[in-house]
Amino acid sequence: MRTLEEWLAHQERVHPQTIDLGLARLARVLDRLHWTQPPVPVITVAGTNGKGSVAAYCSAMLAAAGYRVGTFTSPHLRDYRERIRLHDRLVEAEALCAAFERIEAARVRAEPISLTFFEYNALAAFLLFADAKLDAWVLEVGMGGRLDAVNIIDATVAVVVSIGLDHQEYLGSSLEAIAREKAGIFRRGAPAVLGSYEMPAALEESARAVGARLKRLGHEFDFRRGGRGFSYRGPRWDLADLPPPALLGDAQYANAAAAIAALEELIPRLELPRDALARGLSATRLVARFQMLEARARTVILDVAHNPDAAAVLARNLRALPAGGRTLAVCGILADKDAAGVAAALAGAFDEWWLATTEGARGTRGADLARKMAPHIKAPLHVASEVGAACAAAWQQAAPRDRIVIFGSFHTVGPAMDWLEAQGILPPLALR
């Protein structure tokens, strides 16, 4: 393999399953690579929703304090390199290919070890971060926690942002079962930050069982909104007049507070002045988390809400920012998601819907999506053969002052962004 595209195509063929949770394969490859645990602080972030936001806040605030940070997230929207950032720069394709060569050489040595696509991704991030001599790592869990590839690393601080029903076929059918899986990132003696006021009891039980130090929103730390920003109170910091989080939506205050609570635990290993925290909060950027674009007297909102809890947050955000005209939906959701629950959470939020077919092994046809969602939708509903067609139809129907909300799977929002760029609505893709 010479190009990144060739490497990614190869990785999709190596393992018979797209998702196969477990740490044994990773551990064997890392052992062959003579890899050791990172010598710098590691913040690991799990949660059904909000983990991307918390990871982004942590990275931005650390960077504002002058630290070199490695950030690992998934999935990507438009470019695979979005998954790995080295000090606020996307990893170079050449560096990724070099890491994949090292991984492949170790993988096939003696008895070959089968790796999933995500495991290659995580291994590459670990190698690149180790080589870059960073000051801190921020790792977003891909799925669950206990058996996710990220959990091969011992977290200095573990954060669980929220618990909701998603990926039940892998994590369990109840909130308590899902909570236990996500609690698998907790470590003895290390802080376990819980980023929501309402959490299943299994999270606290799991933290106490492993000997982690609980740090709960509303107990050991909290925030209060006031004036134009908010304040934070924790065991070490009492911070008043912080600026509002740069990401939009009421839920972002709790996400920002959880990130600050995690960073507070790095003191005195890393010094984080208040002004750096404030600058980081204001500088945080995260694509497709209630991201608003203004174009041609219309508003476009991008959001990767793809489960009922995230859809409920999207509905609240839309109510908090009423439109001057109609609100139109472009939606695509993978086949293994609760499409009916998403529709129910957004009942009454839209004046017209376009349901798009999503590609890939887990994709679903727009017509199948319509059958699941139509009982909960009272507005006109249309089916589109692909995401671009749905975007084009909604844009054609949108009048000045209307807004188009494009949401659902990353496999929906990513192609929608490509369509928006082709129409000159979204600036050309600029990757740093």
Protein backbone atom coordinates (compact mmCIF):
# COMPACT_ATOMS: atom_id res chain seq x y z
CA MET A 1 0.00 0.00 0.00
CA ARG A 2 1.30 3.41 -0.95
CA THR A 3 -1.60 5.78 -0.36
CA LEU A 4 -3.89 6.38 2.59
CA GLU A 5 -6.86 5.28 0.49
CA GLU A 6 -5.15 1.96 -0.26
CA TRP A 7 -4.40 1.42 3.41
CA LEU A 8 -8.00 2.11 4.43
CA ALA A 9 -9.35 -0.25 1.78
CA HIS A 10 -6.98 -2.95 3.02
CA GLN A 11 -8.03 -2.45 6.62
CA GLU A 12 -11.69 -2.92 5.76
CA ARG A 13 -10.85 -6.43 4.46
CA VAL A 14 -8.61 -7.73 7.25
CA HIS A 15 -11.24 -8.56 9.88
CA PRO A 16 -14.51 -10.37 9.09
CA GLN A 17 -16.57 -8.06 11.32
CA THR A 18 -16.88 -4.28 11.17
CA ILE A 19 -17.38 -4.12 14.96
CA ASP A 20 -15.73 -6.70 17.22
CA LEU A 21 -15.15 -5.27 20.69
CA GLY A 22 -12.24 -6.54 22.76
CA LEU A 23 -8.71 -5.65 23.84
CA ALA A 24 -6.83 -8.92 23.29
CA ARG A 25 -5.88 -8.31 19.64
CA LEU A 26 -4.68 -4.78 20.39
CA ALA A 27 -2.64 -5.95 23.37
CA ARG A 28 -0.82 -8.54 21.26
CA VAL A 29 0.08 -6.06 18.52
CA LEU A 30 1.20 -3.44 21.04
CA ASP A 31 3.35 -6.04 22.74
CA ARG A 32 5.05 -6.80 19.42
CA LEU A 33 5.63 -3.07 18.98
CA HIS A 34 7.23 -2.86 22.47
CA TRP A 35 4.77 -0.09 23.24
CA THR A 36 4.34 1.25 26.79
CA GLN A 37 1.69 3.33 28.53
CA PRO A 38 2.02 7.09 27.84
CA PRO A 39 4.14 9.03 30.35
CA VAL A 40 1.86 12.09 30.12
CA PRO A 41 -1.67 12.72 31.43
CA VAL A 42 -4.47 11.01 29.50
CA ILE A 43 -8.12 12.13 29.59
CA THR A 44 -10.48 9.43 28.31
CA VAL A 45 -14.03 10.50 27.48
CA ALA A 46 -17.00 8.14 27.10
CA GLY A 47 -20.74 8.73 26.89
CA THR A 48 -23.75 8.12 24.71
CA ASN A 49 -23.88 11.79 23.74
CA GLY A 50 -21.63 14.78 24.40
CA LYS A 51 -18.27 13.02 24.44
CA GLY A 52 -17.05 14.76 21.29
CA SER A 53 -17.87 18.14 22.82
CA VAL A 54 -16.11 17.37 26.12
CA ALA A 55 -13.04 16.11 24.27
CA ALA A 56 -13.00 19.27 22.14
CA TYR A 57 -13.21 21.54 25.21
CA CYS A 58 -10.41 19.66 26.97
CA SER A 59 -8.12 19.89 23.94
CA ALA A 60 -8.87 23.57 23.31
CA MET A 61 -8.26 24.60 26.93
CA LEU A 62 -5.02 22.62 27.14
CA ALA A 63 -3.84 24.17 23.87
CA ALA A 64 -4.75 27.66 25.12
CA ALA A 65 -2.47 27.03 28.10
CA GLY A 66 0.39 26.31 25.72
CA TYR A 67 0.43 22.51 25.93
CA ARG A 68 0.94 20.15 22.99
CA VAL A 69 -2.12 17.91 22.85
CA GLY A 70 -3.00 14.78 20.90
CA THR A 71 -6.73 14.30 20.28
CA PHE A 72 -8.29 11.06 19.05
CA THR A 73 -11.96 11.08 18.00
CA SER A 74 -14.26 9.08 15.75
CA PRO A 75 -15.88 8.70 13.33
CA HIS A 76 -14.95 11.27 10.71
CA LEU A 77 -17.26 13.34 8.53
CA ARG A 78 -15.32 14.02 5.33
CA ASP A 79 -11.67 13.08 5.76
CA TYR A 80 -10.24 10.15 7.73
CA ARG A 81 -7.51 12.43 9.11
CA GLU A 82 -10.15 14.26 11.18
CA ARG A 83 -9.79 11.42 13.69
CA ILE A 84 -6.23 12.24 14.79
CA ARG A 85 -5.05 15.72 15.73
CA LEU A 86 -1.53 16.58 16.77
CA HIS A 87 -1.47 19.93 18.57
CA ASP A 88 -4.53 21.21 16.67
CA ARG A 89 -3.29 19.96 13.30
CA LEU A 90 -4.73 17.02 11.43
CA VAL A 91 -2.22 14.23 11.07
CA GLU A 92 -0.45 14.16 7.71
CA ALA A 93 -1.36 11.32 5.36
CA GLU A 94 2.33 10.34 5.06
CA ALA A 95 2.67 10.02 8.83
CA LEU A 96 -0.47 7.91 8.99
CA CYS A 97 0.78 5.57 6.27
CA ALA A 98 4.11 5.20 8.08
CA ALA A 99 2.27 4.28 11.29
CA PHE A 100 0.14 1.75 9.40
CA GLU A 101 3.31 0.16 7.99
CA ARG A 102 4.66 -0.34 11.52
CA ILE A 103 1.34 -1.78 12.69
CA GLU A 104 1.08 -4.13 9.72
CA ALA A 105 4.62 -5.41 10.16
CA ALA A 106 3.86 -6.23 13.80
CA ARG A 107 0.44 -7.66 12.99
CA VAL A 108 1.65 -10.25 10.45
CA ARG A 109 4.84 -11.20 12.29
CA ALA A 110 4.83 -14.94 13.12
CA GLU A 111 1.12 -15.72 13.60
CA PRO A 112 -1.03 -12.99 11.93
CA ILE A 113 -3.43 -11.09 14.18
CA SER A 114 -6.74 -9.90 12.77
CA LEU A 115 -7.58 -6.23 13.46
CA THR A 116 -10.75 -4.23 12.88
CA PHE A 117 -10.76 -0.97 10.95
CA PHE A 118 -11.15 0.97 14.22
CA GLU A 119 -8.31 -0.92 15.90
CA TYR A 120 -5.91 0.11 13.13
CA ASN A 121 -7.12 3.68 13.69
CA ALA A 122 -6.55 3.60 17.45
CA LEU A 123 -3.14 1.94 17.13
CA ALA A 124 -2.00 4.59 14.65
CA ALA A 125 -3.11 7.34 17.03
CA PHE A 126 -1.17 5.78 19.90
CA LEU A 127 2.03 5.48 17.85
CA LEU A 128 1.77 8.99 16.44
CA PHE A 129 1.06 10.52 19.84
CA ALA A 130 4.00 8.69 21.41
CA ASP A 131 6.35 9.86 18.65
CA ALA A 132 5.17 13.48 18.90
CA LYS A 133 6.31 13.89 22.54
CA LEU A 134 3.06 15.57 23.58
CA ASP A 135 2.12 17.06 26.94
CA ALA A 136 -1.31 15.41 27.18
CA TRP A 137 -3.61 13.03 25.32
CA VAL A 138 -7.39 13.37 24.94
CA LEU A 139 -9.06 10.15 23.81
CA GLU A 140 -12.71 9.78 22.83
CA VAL A 141 -14.14 6.28 23.26
CA GLY A 142 -15.57 4.87 20.06
CA MET A 143 -18.25 2.63 21.58
CA GLY A 144 -19.01 1.71 25.16
CA GLY A 145 -15.82 1.79 27.18
CA ARG A 146 -14.78 -1.49 28.81
CA LEU A 147 -13.93 -3.25 25.53
CA ASP A 148 -13.24 -0.22 23.35
CA ALA A 149 -9.73 0.04 21.86
CA VAL A 150 -9.09 3.31 23.73
CA ASN A 151 -9.41 1.44 27.03
CA ILE A 152 -6.10 -0.34 26.45
CA ILE A 153 -4.67 2.89 27.90
CA ASP A 154 -5.00 3.67 31.60
CA ALA A 155 -6.77 7.01 31.91
CA THR A 156 -5.37 9.63 34.26
CA VAL A 157 -8.90 11.05 34.33
CA ALA A 158 -11.96 9.20 33.01
CA VAL A 159 -15.11 11.09 32.02
CA VAL A 160 -18.55 9.61 31.34
CA VAL A 161 -20.67 12.42 29.93
CA SER A 162 -24.09 10.79 29.60
CA ILE A 163 -25.89 7.47 29.45
CA GLY A 164 -28.60 6.71 26.91
CA LEU A 165 -29.92 3.84 24.83
CA ASP A 166 -27.66 3.28 21.84
CA HIS A 167 -25.67 0.33 20.46
CA GLN A 168 -27.81 -2.00 22.59
CA GLU A 169 -26.77 -5.02 20.52
CA TYR A 170 -23.22 -4.55 21.82
CA LEU A 171 -23.62 -2.79 25.18
CA GLY A 172 -26.84 -4.19 26.64
CA SER A 173 -30.52 -3.38 26.52
CA SER A 174 -30.83 -1.30 29.71
CA LEU A 175 -29.33 1.96 30.94
CA GLU A 176 -27.74 0.10 33.85
CA ALA A 177 -26.02 -2.40 31.54
CA ILE A 178 -24.78 0.37 29.24
CA ALA A 179 -23.52 2.32 32.27
CA ARG A 180 -21.46 -0.66 33.43
CA GLU A 181 -19.83 -0.94 30.02
CA LYS A 182 -18.94 2.76 29.96
CA ALA A 183 -17.65 2.57 33.54
CA GLY A 184 -15.02 0.14 32.28
CA ILE A 185 -12.73 3.15 31.64
CA PHE A 186 -12.48 3.89 35.39
CA ARG A 187 -9.22 3.06 37.16
CA ARG A 188 -8.32 2.50 40.82
CA GLY A 189 -7.31 5.74 42.51
CA ALA A 190 -8.05 7.86 39.41
CA PRO A 191 -10.86 10.43 39.13
CA ALA A 192 -14.13 9.30 37.53
CA VAL A 193 -15.98 12.40 36.32
CA LEU A 194 -19.74 12.02 35.77
CA GLY A 195 -20.98 14.80 33.51
CA SER A 196 -24.78 14.65 33.90
CA TYR A 197 -27.04 15.30 36.87
CA GLU A 198 -29.08 12.14 36.26
CA MET A 199 -26.98 8.99 35.94
CA PRO A 200 -27.75 5.27 36.42
CA ALA A 201 -26.70 3.98 39.83
CA ALA A 202 -24.48 1.41 38.12
CA LEU A 203 -21.95 4.13 37.29
CA GLU A 204 -21.33 5.05 40.92
CA GLU A 205 -21.41 1.39 41.96
CA SER A 206 -18.81 0.52 39.33
CA ALA A 207 -16.57 3.43 40.33
CA ARG A 208 -16.65 2.43 43.98
CA ALA A 209 -16.06 -1.24 43.14
CA VAL A 210 -12.89 -0.47 41.20
CA GLY A 211 -11.70 2.15 43.71
CA ALA A 212 -11.99 5.19 41.43
CA ARG A 213 -12.52 8.64 42.95
CA LEU A 214 -16.02 9.83 42.11
CA LYS A 215 -16.46 13.38 40.87
CA ARG A 216 -20.14 13.99 40.11
CA LEU A 217 -21.90 16.95 38.55
CA GLY A 218 -24.05 18.49 41.26
CA HIS A 219 -21.93 17.03 44.07
CA GLU A 220 -18.15 17.31 43.87
CA PHE A 221 -18.39 19.91 41.10
CA ASP A 222 -21.09 22.09 39.60
CA PHE A 223 -21.74 25.09 37.37
CA ARG A 224 -24.15 28.00 37.44
CA ARG A 225 -25.26 30.09 34.50
CA GLY A 226 -25.46 33.82 35.04
CA GLY A 227 -25.01 37.06 33.17
CA ARG A 228 -23.41 36.40 29.81
CA GLY A 229 -21.52 33.29 30.88
CA PHE A 230 -21.27 30.82 33.76
CA SER A 231 -19.29 29.94 36.86
CA TYR A 232 -17.62 26.69 37.91
CA ARG A 233 -17.05 25.30 41.39
CA GLY A 234 -14.89 22.28 42.11
CA PRO A 235 -12.57 20.96 44.82
CA ARG A 236 -9.64 23.12 43.64
CA TRP A 237 -11.15 25.82 41.43
CA ASP A 238 -13.83 28.43 42.04
CA LEU A 239 -14.12 30.23 38.70
CA ALA A 240 -16.55 33.08 38.17
CA ASP A 241 -17.50 34.93 34.98
CA LEU A 242 -16.35 32.31 32.51
CA PRO A 243 -17.40 33.01 28.92
CA PRO A 244 -20.23 30.94 27.46
CA PRO A 245 -19.11 27.76 25.67
CA ALA A 246 -18.44 28.37 21.98
CA LEU A 247 -20.59 25.38 20.99
CA LEU A 248 -24.31 26.14 20.84
CA GLY A 249 -27.04 24.63 22.99
CA ASP A 250 -27.93 24.49 26.68
CA ALA A 251 -26.28 21.06 27.08
CA GLN A 252 -22.91 22.61 26.30
CA TYR A 253 -22.70 24.26 29.74
CA ALA A 254 -22.70 20.86 31.44
CA ASN A 255 -20.26 19.53 28.82
CA ALA A 256 -17.91 22.47 29.42
CA ALA A 257 -18.16 21.98 33.19
CA ALA A 258 -17.29 18.28 32.81
CA ALA A 259 -14.23 19.22 30.75
CA ILE A 260 -13.11 21.74 33.39
CA ALA A 261 -13.66 19.12 36.09
CA ALA A 262 -11.37 16.74 34.20
CA LEU A 263 -8.66 19.36 33.69
CA GLU A 264 -8.85 20.35 37.36
CA GLU A 265 -7.58 16.87 38.20
CA LEU A 266 -4.36 17.46 36.24
CA ILE A 267 -3.21 20.09 38.77
CA PRO A 268 -0.34 20.38 39.74
CA ARG A 269 1.03 18.12 37.01
CA LEU A 270 -0.10 20.67 34.42
CA GLU A 271 -0.76 24.30 35.29
CA LEU A 272 -3.93 25.72 33.75
CA PRO A 273 -4.51 29.44 34.42
CA ARG A 274 -8.06 30.75 34.44
CA ASP A 275 -7.45 32.92 31.37
CA ALA A 276 -6.36 29.83 29.39
CA LEU A 277 -9.57 28.05 30.37
CA ALA A 278 -11.60 31.06 29.26
CA ARG A 279 -9.76 31.37 25.95
CA GLY A 280 -10.13 27.64 25.31
CA LEU A 281 -13.87 27.71 25.98
CA SER A 282 -14.29 30.55 23.49
CA ALA A 283 -12.03 28.94 20.88
CA THR A 284 -13.53 25.45 20.85
CA ARG A 285 -14.72 24.31 17.42
CA LEU A 286 -16.54 21.10 16.60
CA VAL A 287 -18.17 20.43 13.26
CA ALA A 288 -21.82 19.30 13.08
CA ARG A 289 -22.76 19.78 16.72
CA PHE A 290 -25.65 22.19 16.24
CA GLN A 291 -23.42 24.05 13.80
CA MET A 292 -25.19 27.00 12.16
CA LEU A 293 -24.43 28.39 8.69
CA GLU A 294 -26.01 31.44 7.12
CA ALA A 295 -26.33 31.51 3.32
CA ARG A 296 -28.59 33.33 0.90
CA ALA A 297 -30.99 34.53 3.59
CA ARG A 298 -31.43 30.97 4.87
CA THR A 299 -30.01 29.11 7.87
CA VAL A 300 -28.49 25.63 7.66
CA ILE A 301 -27.97 23.66 10.88
CA LEU A 302 -25.76 20.56 10.94
CA ASP A 303 -26.08 18.07 13.79
CA VAL A 304 -25.02 14.44 14.17
CA ALA A 305 -27.95 13.59 16.48
CA HIS A 306 -28.70 9.95 15.67
CA ASN A 307 -30.33 8.51 18.80
CA PRO A 308 -33.41 9.55 20.81
CA ASP A 309 -31.51 11.36 23.57
CA ALA A 310 -29.49 13.41 21.08
CA ALA A 311 -32.67 14.11 19.11
CA ALA A 312 -34.33 15.44 22.27
CA VAL A 313 -31.38 17.82 22.77
CA LEU A 314 -31.69 18.93 19.14
CA ALA A 315 -35.40 19.60 19.67
CA ARG A 316 -34.65 21.75 22.75
CA ASN A 317 -31.99 23.69 20.86
CA LEU A 318 -34.40 24.39 18.01
CA ARG A 319 -37.10 25.59 20.41
CA ALA A 320 -34.59 27.91 22.07
CA LEU A 321 -33.77 29.51 18.69
CA PRO A 322 -37.10 29.95 16.89
CA ALA A 323 -36.94 30.46 13.14
CA GLY A 324 -38.28 33.44 11.24
CA GLY A 325 -39.85 31.07 8.72
CA ARG A 326 -40.33 27.32 8.33
CA THR A 327 -38.00 24.62 9.65
CA LEU A 328 -37.19 21.81 7.20
CA ALA A 329 -35.52 18.48 8.04
CA VAL A 330 -33.05 16.42 6.04
CA CYS A 331 -32.46 13.21 7.95
CA GLY A 332 -30.61 9.94 7.43
CA ILE A 333 -30.17 7.30 10.15
CA LEU A 334 -28.38 3.95 10.06
CA ALA A 335 -30.39 0.74 10.12
CA ASP A 336 -29.30 -0.26 13.65
CA LYS A 337 -30.52 2.99 15.25
CA ASP A 338 -33.87 3.74 16.90
CA ALA A 339 -35.33 5.80 14.06
CA ALA A 340 -38.82 5.75 15.57
CA GLY A 341 -37.45 7.11 18.86
CA VAL A 342 -35.63 9.88 17.00
CA ALA A 343 -38.84 10.84 15.18
CA ALA A 344 -40.84 10.83 18.42
CA ALA A 345 -38.28 13.08 20.14
CA LEU A 346 -38.57 15.58 17.27
CA ALA A 347 -42.35 15.47 16.90
CA GLY A 348 -43.58 18.91 15.92
CA ALA A 349 -40.08 20.31 15.37
CA PHE A 350 -40.27 20.40 11.56
CA ASP A 351 -42.68 21.68 8.94
CA GLU A 352 -41.48 19.25 6.26
CA TRP A 353 -39.17 16.24 6.13
CA TRP A 354 -36.83 14.62 3.58
CA LEU A 355 -35.57 11.15 4.56
CA ALA A 356 -32.40 10.11 2.73
CA THR A 357 -30.87 6.73 1.95
CA THR A 358 -27.54 6.20 3.73
CA GLU A 359 -24.73 4.16 2.21
CA GLY A 360 -22.60 1.36 3.66
CA ALA A 361 -23.16 -1.96 5.38
CA ARG A 362 -25.24 -0.34 8.13
CA GLY A 363 -27.06 2.06 5.81
CA THR A 364 -30.80 2.14 5.32
CA ARG A 365 -33.08 3.06 2.45
CA GLY A 366 -35.10 6.24 2.76
CA ALA A 367 -38.28 4.27 2.19
CA ASP A 368 -37.48 1.90 5.07
CA LEU A 369 -36.69 4.88 7.26
CA ALA A 370 -40.03 6.43 6.35
CA ARG A 371 -41.93 3.31 7.45
CA LYS A 372 -40.29 3.51 10.88
CA MET A 373 -40.63 7.26 11.35
CA ALA A 374 -43.90 8.16 9.61
CA PRO A 375 -46.18 7.20 12.53
CA HIS A 376 -44.50 9.92 14.61
CA ILE A 377 -44.34 12.61 11.90
CA LYS A 378 -47.39 14.78 11.25
CA ALA A 379 -45.72 17.02 8.66
CA PRO A 380 -45.29 16.28 4.93
CA LEU A 381 -42.65 13.61 4.41
CA HIS A 382 -40.56 12.82 1.32
CA VAL A 383 -38.08 10.06 0.50
CA ALA A 384 -34.79 10.67 -1.34
CA SER A 385 -32.49 8.14 -3.00
CA GLU A 386 -29.37 9.76 -1.54
CA VAL A 387 -28.33 12.58 0.77
CA GLY A 388 -27.46 15.09 -1.96
CA ALA A 389 -30.89 14.70 -3.54
CA ALA A 390 -32.57 15.29 -0.17
CA CYS A 391 -30.49 18.42 0.40
CA ALA A 392 -31.28 19.73 -3.09
CA ALA A 393 -35.01 19.18 -2.64
CA ALA A 394 -35.09 20.86 0.77
CA TRP A 395 -33.01 23.81 -0.47
CA GLN A 396 -35.32 24.28 -3.44
CA GLN A 397 -38.33 24.43 -1.12
CA ALA A 398 -36.69 26.74 1.40
CA ALA A 399 -37.69 30.39 1.25
CA PRO A 400 -35.78 33.32 2.73
CA ARG A 401 -35.78 33.18 6.57
CA ASP A 402 -36.41 29.40 6.51
CA ARG A 403 -33.91 27.01 8.08
CA ILE A 404 -32.83 23.56 6.97
CA VAL A 405 -31.70 21.15 9.68
CA ILE A 406 -29.51 18.34 8.35
CA PHE A 407 -29.07 15.68 11.01
CA GLY A 408 -28.61 12.02 11.82
CA SER A 409 -25.69 9.76 11.03
CA PHE A 410 -22.18 10.95 10.24
CA HIS A 411 -22.92 9.13 6.95
CA THR A 412 -25.64 11.73 6.37
CA VAL A 413 -24.02 14.94 7.55
CA GLY A 414 -20.67 14.28 5.83
CA PRO A 415 -22.18 13.85 2.32
CA ALA A 416 -24.49 16.79 3.02
CA MET A 417 -21.46 18.96 3.71
CA ASP A 418 -19.98 17.86 0.38
CA TRP A 419 -23.23 18.91 -1.33
CA LEU A 420 -23.28 22.25 0.50
CA GLU A 421 -19.71 22.92 -0.59
CA ALA A 422 -20.52 22.06 -4.21
CA GLN A 423 -23.34 24.62 -4.12
CA GLY A 424 -21.11 27.31 -2.62
CA ILE A 425 -23.15 27.30 0.59
CA LEU A 426 -20.32 25.90 2.71
CA PRO A 427 -16.74 27.14 2.28
CA PRO A 428 -14.30 24.65 0.69
CA LEU A 429 -12.99 21.97 3.00
CA ALA A 430 -9.98 23.38 4.85
CA LEU A 431 -8.06 20.78 6.81
CA ARG A 432 -5.29 21.82 9.18
